[in-house]
Amino acid sequence: MGPELHYQVMINRATELQEEAAAHRRAREAQSGLKAQQRSGHRRLRAAFGKLRTS
């Protein structure tokens, strides 16, 4: 493998790894967003339940 071809393979692999990292980061952000949304919903339910119990 010539140096130019090796360099091109390295550039392509680096690009692939960056795309995989970006996809993984988006998946983690989406997952943490869903967890935050669920926690918010649970908090609202507990607040509503507390208001009903004290009334």
N, C-alpha and C. Protein backbone atom coordinates (compact mmCIF):
# COMPACT_ATOMS: atom_id res chain seq x y z
N MET A 1 0.87 -1.17 0.00
CA MET A 1 0.00 0.00 0.00
C MET A 1 0.91 1.23 0.00
N GLY A 2 0.67 2.09 -0.95
CA GLY A 2 1.47 3.31 -1.06
C GLY A 2 1.10 4.31 0.02
N PRO A 3 1.98 5.26 0.26
CA PRO A 3 1.71 6.25 1.32
C PRO A 3 0.46 7.07 1.05
N GLU A 4 0.19 7.40 -0.21
CA GLU A 4 -1.00 8.20 -0.51
C GLU A 4 -2.27 7.42 -0.21
N LEU A 5 -2.26 6.13 -0.59
CA LEU A 5 -3.43 5.29 -0.34
C LEU A 5 -3.63 5.08 1.17
N HIS A 6 -2.54 4.87 1.88
CA HIS A 6 -2.62 4.69 3.33
C HIS A 6 -3.17 5.95 4.00
N TYR A 7 -2.71 7.10 3.55
CA TYR A 7 -3.19 8.36 4.09
C TYR A 7 -4.69 8.53 3.83
N GLN A 8 -5.14 8.16 2.64
CA GLN A 8 -6.56 8.27 2.30
C GLN A 8 -7.40 7.33 3.17
N VAL A 9 -6.89 6.11 3.41
CA VAL A 9 -7.60 5.16 4.28
C VAL A 9 -7.70 5.73 5.69
N MET A 10 -6.63 6.35 6.18
CA MET A 10 -6.65 6.95 7.52
C MET A 10 -7.68 8.07 7.59
N ILE A 11 -7.75 8.90 6.57
CA ILE A 11 -8.72 10.00 6.56
C ILE A 11 -10.14 9.45 6.54
N ASN A 12 -10.38 8.44 5.71
CA ASN A 12 -11.73 7.84 5.65
C ASN A 12 -12.12 7.22 6.98
N ARG A 13 -11.19 6.53 7.62
CA ARG A 13 -11.49 5.88 8.91
C ARG A 13 -11.77 6.93 9.99
N ALA A 14 -11.00 8.01 9.98
CA ALA A 14 -11.22 9.08 10.95
C ALA A 14 -12.61 9.68 10.77
N THR A 15 -13.02 9.86 9.53
CA THR A 15 -14.35 10.39 9.24
C THR A 15 -15.43 9.45 9.74
N GLU A 16 -15.25 8.15 9.49
CA GLU A 16 -16.21 7.15 9.96
C GLU A 16 -16.33 7.18 11.48
N LEU A 17 -15.19 7.25 12.16
CA LEU A 17 -15.20 7.27 13.63
C LEU A 17 -15.88 8.53 14.16
N GLN A 18 -15.66 9.66 13.50
CA GLN A 18 -16.31 10.90 13.93
C GLN A 18 -17.83 10.81 13.75
N GLU A 19 -18.27 10.20 12.65
CA GLU A 19 -19.71 10.04 12.42
C GLU A 19 -20.32 9.09 13.46
N GLU A 20 -19.61 8.01 13.79
CA GLU A 20 -20.11 7.09 14.82
C GLU A 20 -20.20 7.78 16.17
N ALA A 21 -19.19 8.58 16.49
CA ALA A 21 -19.20 9.30 17.76
C ALA A 21 -20.36 10.29 17.82
N ALA A 22 -20.63 10.96 16.71
CA ALA A 22 -21.73 11.92 16.68
C ALA A 22 -23.07 11.20 16.85
N ALA A 23 -23.22 10.04 16.21
CA ALA A 23 -24.46 9.28 16.35
C ALA A 23 -24.64 8.80 17.78
N HIS A 24 -23.55 8.35 18.39
CA HIS A 24 -23.61 7.88 19.77
C HIS A 24 -23.97 9.04 20.71
N ARG A 25 -23.38 10.20 20.46
CA ARG A 25 -23.67 11.37 21.29
C ARG A 25 -25.13 11.77 21.16
N ARG A 26 -25.68 11.75 19.93
CA ARG A 26 -27.09 12.09 19.74
C ARG A 26 -27.99 11.08 20.45
N ALA A 27 -27.63 9.82 20.42
CA ALA A 27 -28.43 8.80 21.09
C ALA A 27 -28.42 9.02 22.60
N ARG A 28 -27.26 9.33 23.16
CA ARG A 28 -27.19 9.58 24.60
C ARG A 28 -27.98 10.82 24.98
N GLU A 29 -27.90 11.87 24.17
CA GLU A 29 -28.66 13.09 24.46
C GLU A 29 -30.15 12.83 24.39
N ALA A 30 -30.59 12.05 23.41
CA ALA A 30 -32.01 11.72 23.31
C ALA A 30 -32.46 10.91 24.50
N GLN A 31 -31.63 9.96 24.93
CA GLN A 31 -31.98 9.13 26.07
C GLN A 31 -32.07 9.96 27.34
N SER A 32 -31.12 10.86 27.55
CA SER A 32 -31.17 11.69 28.75
C SER A 32 -32.36 12.65 28.69
N GLY A 33 -32.72 13.10 27.49
CA GLY A 33 -33.90 13.96 27.35
C GLY A 33 -35.17 13.23 27.71
N LEU A 34 -35.27 11.96 27.28
CA LEU A 34 -36.45 11.16 27.63
C LEU A 34 -36.53 10.92 29.13
N LYS A 35 -35.39 10.66 29.75
CA LYS A 35 -35.38 10.44 31.20
C LYS A 35 -35.82 11.70 31.93
N ALA A 36 -35.32 12.86 31.48
CA ALA A 36 -35.71 14.12 32.12
C ALA A 36 -37.20 14.37 31.94
N GLN A 37 -37.71 14.05 30.76
CA GLN A 37 -39.14 14.24 30.51
C GLN A 37 -39.98 13.32 31.40
N GLN A 38 -39.52 12.08 31.58
CA GLN A 38 -40.25 11.15 32.44
C GLN A 38 -40.21 11.62 33.89
N ARG A 39 -39.04 12.09 34.33
CA ARG A 39 -38.93 12.58 35.71
C ARG A 39 -39.86 13.76 35.93
N SER A 40 -39.96 14.64 34.94
CA SER A 40 -40.83 15.80 35.03
C SER A 40 -42.29 15.35 35.16
N GLY A 41 -42.67 14.36 34.37
CA GLY A 41 -44.03 13.84 34.43
C GLY A 41 -44.33 13.21 35.77
N HIS A 42 -43.38 12.45 36.31
CA HIS A 42 -43.57 11.83 37.62
C HIS A 42 -43.70 12.89 38.70
N ARG A 43 -42.91 13.95 38.59
CA ARG A 43 -42.97 15.02 39.58
C ARG A 43 -44.34 15.68 39.56
N ARG A 44 -44.87 15.91 38.34
CA ARG A 44 -46.20 16.53 38.24
C ARG A 44 -47.27 15.62 38.83
N LEU A 45 -47.15 14.31 38.58
CA LEU A 45 -48.14 13.38 39.13
C LEU A 45 -48.09 13.37 40.66
N ARG A 46 -46.87 13.36 41.21
CA ARG A 46 -46.76 13.39 42.67
C ARG A 46 -47.32 14.67 43.24
N ALA A 47 -47.08 15.79 42.56
CA ALA A 47 -47.59 17.08 43.03
C ALA A 47 -49.11 17.08 43.00
N ALA A 48 -49.70 16.55 41.94
CA ALA A 48 -51.15 16.51 41.84
C ALA A 48 -51.73 15.58 42.90
N PHE A 49 -51.08 14.45 43.12
CA PHE A 49 -51.56 13.51 44.13
C PHE A 49 -51.50 14.15 45.52
N GLY A 50 -50.44 14.86 45.79
CA GLY A 50 -50.29 15.53 47.08
C GLY A 50 -51.38 16.56 47.28
N LYS A 51 -51.74 17.28 46.23
CA LYS A 51 -52.78 18.30 46.34
C LYS A 51 -54.13 17.63 46.59
N LEU A 52 -54.38 16.49 45.97
CA LEU A 52 -55.64 15.79 46.17
C LEU A 52 -55.74 15.24 47.59
N ARG A 53 -54.63 14.72 48.09
CA ARG A 53 -54.65 14.12 49.43
C ARG A 53 -54.87 15.16 50.52
N THR A 54 -54.32 16.37 50.33
CA THR A 54 -54.43 17.38 51.37
C THR A 54 -55.76 18.13 51.29
N SER A 55 -56.46 18.02 50.19
CA SER A 55 -57.72 18.77 50.03
C SER A 55 -58.83 18.15 50.85
